[in-house]
Amino acid sequence: MTERVAGADRRVERQGRRRGVMGWVDVRGRRLGGWAFILNRLTGLGVLFYLYLHLIVLSQLAVGPSAWDSLLRNWFLNPVFLLLDVVLLAGLVIHGLNGVRLALVGFGIVIDRQKALLLAFGVLGAILIVIGALRFISDAGAK
């Protein structure tokens, strides 16, 4: 009986330790699925931040064509912004593929193969990110 109570106390302690936003990044006892959860949350927040930033940038179109052309020449073709484009692509690919993985698991399609699916989508995501990064670099060099 004491062992059962001690086990329940440890479970409550673990759950209490992971409460709130800081629980998202608590590395104690995390397995691969836990890291995928953290990565999904962080990429989701990054994509949300980008959406607001994108709307602010698009508001320059209301100022006029000269303001947009100036923004394009001075900012968007800068190598730093091209690197941020690659980061955005990585966030979108990671969040999207992990969302597909979670949907498949949620529908009960690949419950027993979650780790293999996560690794396969990780490799696919890495390939997509490298291809996209090379495309961004080659397109920037042409302009």
Protein backbone atom coordinates (compact mmCIF):
# COMPACT_ATOMS: atom_id res chain seq x y z
CA MET A 1 0.00 0.00 0.00
CA THR A 2 2.83 2.38 0.80
CA GLU A 3 4.36 1.77 -2.64
CA ARG A 4 1.13 2.73 -4.35
CA VAL A 5 0.89 5.96 -2.36
CA ALA A 6 4.54 6.77 -3.08
CA GLY A 7 3.97 6.16 -6.81
CA ALA A 8 0.92 8.43 -6.80
CA ASP A 9 2.90 11.11 -4.96
CA ARG A 10 5.63 10.95 -7.62
CA ARG A 11 3.02 11.24 -10.40
CA VAL A 12 1.44 14.29 -8.75
CA GLU A 13 4.90 15.79 -8.23
CA ARG A 14 5.77 15.29 -11.92
CA GLN A 15 2.49 16.78 -13.04
CA GLY A 16 2.85 19.73 -10.69
CA ARG A 17 6.37 20.34 -11.94
CA ARG A 18 5.15 20.75 -15.53
CA ARG A 19 2.37 23.23 -14.97
CA GLY A 20 2.18 26.46 -16.89
CA VAL A 21 4.26 27.72 -19.77
CA MET A 22 7.54 26.85 -18.06
CA GLY A 23 6.37 23.23 -18.07
CA TRP A 24 6.68 23.29 -21.85
CA VAL A 25 10.45 23.46 -21.59
CA ASP A 26 10.98 21.28 -18.52
CA VAL A 27 13.59 18.79 -19.76
CA ARG A 28 13.32 16.34 -16.87
CA GLY A 29 11.90 13.02 -17.98
CA ARG A 30 11.19 14.08 -21.56
CA ARG A 31 11.11 11.50 -24.29
CA LEU A 32 11.04 12.09 -28.04
CA GLY A 33 7.30 12.81 -28.08
CA GLY A 34 7.78 15.42 -25.37
CA TRP A 35 10.41 17.19 -27.42
CA ALA A 36 8.09 17.10 -30.44
CA PHE A 37 5.41 18.71 -28.26
CA ILE A 38 7.78 21.50 -27.19
CA LEU A 39 8.92 22.06 -30.77
CA ASN A 40 5.32 22.17 -32.00
CA ARG A 41 4.38 24.79 -29.41
CA LEU A 42 7.43 26.96 -30.13
CA THR A 43 6.99 26.81 -33.91
CA GLY A 44 3.30 27.60 -33.51
CA LEU A 45 4.14 30.70 -31.48
CA GLY A 46 6.77 31.67 -34.06
CA VAL A 47 4.30 31.36 -36.93
CA LEU A 48 1.74 33.42 -35.00
CA PHE A 49 4.36 36.13 -34.40
CA TYR A 50 5.23 36.10 -38.09
CA LEU A 51 1.57 36.52 -39.04
CA TYR A 52 1.34 39.76 -37.08
CA LEU A 53 4.66 40.97 -38.47
CA HIS A 54 3.48 40.12 -41.99
CA LEU A 55 0.34 42.21 -41.56
CA ILE A 56 2.41 45.17 -40.37
CA VAL A 57 4.71 44.88 -43.40
CA LEU A 58 1.77 44.60 -45.80
CA SER A 59 0.41 47.86 -44.41
CA GLN A 60 3.27 49.52 -46.33
CA LEU A 61 1.31 48.78 -49.50
CA ALA A 62 -1.29 51.28 -48.35
CA VAL A 63 1.38 54.01 -48.20
CA GLY A 64 2.16 53.61 -51.87
CA PRO A 65 4.32 51.80 -54.42
CA SER A 66 7.44 53.83 -53.64
CA ALA A 67 7.32 52.85 -49.96
CA TRP A 68 6.93 49.20 -50.89
CA ASP A 69 9.77 49.31 -53.43
CA SER A 70 12.04 50.98 -50.88
CA LEU A 71 11.17 48.33 -48.27
CA LEU A 72 11.83 45.58 -50.77
CA ARG A 73 15.20 46.97 -51.90
CA ASN A 74 16.53 47.98 -48.49
CA TRP A 75 15.22 45.20 -46.28
CA PHE A 76 13.88 42.08 -47.94
CA LEU A 77 16.84 41.38 -50.21
CA ASN A 78 19.23 41.73 -47.27
CA PRO A 79 20.99 38.43 -46.35
CA VAL A 80 19.71 38.70 -42.77
CA PHE A 81 16.11 38.71 -44.02
CA LEU A 82 16.86 35.80 -46.33
CA LEU A 83 18.10 33.89 -43.28
CA LEU A 84 14.88 34.79 -41.48
CA ASP A 85 12.97 33.42 -44.49
CA VAL A 86 14.77 30.11 -44.01
CA VAL A 87 13.88 30.17 -40.29
CA LEU A 88 10.25 30.85 -41.21
CA LEU A 89 10.29 27.98 -43.70
CA ALA A 90 11.76 25.68 -41.05
CA GLY A 91 9.08 26.69 -38.55
CA LEU A 92 6.28 26.13 -41.05
CA VAL A 93 7.62 22.75 -42.19
CA ILE A 94 8.26 21.50 -38.65
CA HIS A 95 4.89 22.70 -37.36
CA GLY A 96 3.02 21.37 -40.39
CA LEU A 97 4.60 17.91 -40.46
CA ASN A 98 4.27 17.51 -36.70
CA GLY A 99 0.61 18.53 -37.01
CA VAL A 100 0.06 15.83 -39.64
CA ARG A 101 1.77 13.31 -37.36
CA LEU A 102 -0.44 14.31 -34.44
CA ALA A 103 -3.57 14.09 -36.61
CA LEU A 104 -2.63 10.57 -37.76
CA VAL A 105 -2.02 9.50 -34.16
CA GLY A 106 -5.24 11.20 -33.04
CA PHE A 107 -7.24 9.26 -35.60
CA GLY A 108 -5.61 6.06 -34.38
CA ILE A 109 -3.84 5.29 -37.64
CA VAL A 110 -0.24 4.95 -36.42
CA ILE A 111 -0.46 4.79 -32.64
CA ASP A 112 2.14 2.03 -32.35
CA ARG A 113 4.59 3.69 -34.80
CA GLN A 114 4.76 7.25 -33.43
CA LYS A 115 8.52 7.33 -32.99
CA ALA A 116 9.21 6.00 -36.49
CA LEU A 117 6.73 8.48 -37.98
CA LEU A 118 8.34 11.35 -36.07
CA LEU A 119 11.77 10.38 -37.34
CA ALA A 120 10.53 9.93 -40.92
CA PHE A 121 8.82 13.32 -40.88
CA GLY A 122 11.99 14.79 -39.35
CA VAL A 123 14.07 13.53 -42.26
CA LEU A 124 11.46 14.71 -44.78
CA GLY A 125 11.33 18.10 -43.06
CA ALA A 126 15.11 18.45 -43.12
CA ILE A 127 15.17 17.69 -46.85
CA LEU A 128 12.41 20.24 -47.52
CA ILE A 129 14.17 22.90 -45.47
CA VAL A 130 17.50 22.37 -47.27
CA ILE A 131 15.81 22.50 -50.69
CA GLY A 132 13.93 25.66 -49.68
CA ALA A 133 17.07 27.30 -48.29
CA LEU A 134 18.98 26.56 -51.49
CA ARG A 135 16.10 27.98 -53.50
CA PHE A 136 16.06 31.18 -51.43
CA ILE A 137 19.81 31.60 -51.90
CA SER A 138 19.69 30.96 -55.63
CA ASP A 139 16.72 33.32 -56.13
CA ALA A 140 18.48 36.05 -54.14
CA GLY A 141 21.63 35.64 -56.23
CA ALA A 142 19.62 36.09 -59.43
CA LYS A 143 18.25 39.46 -58.29
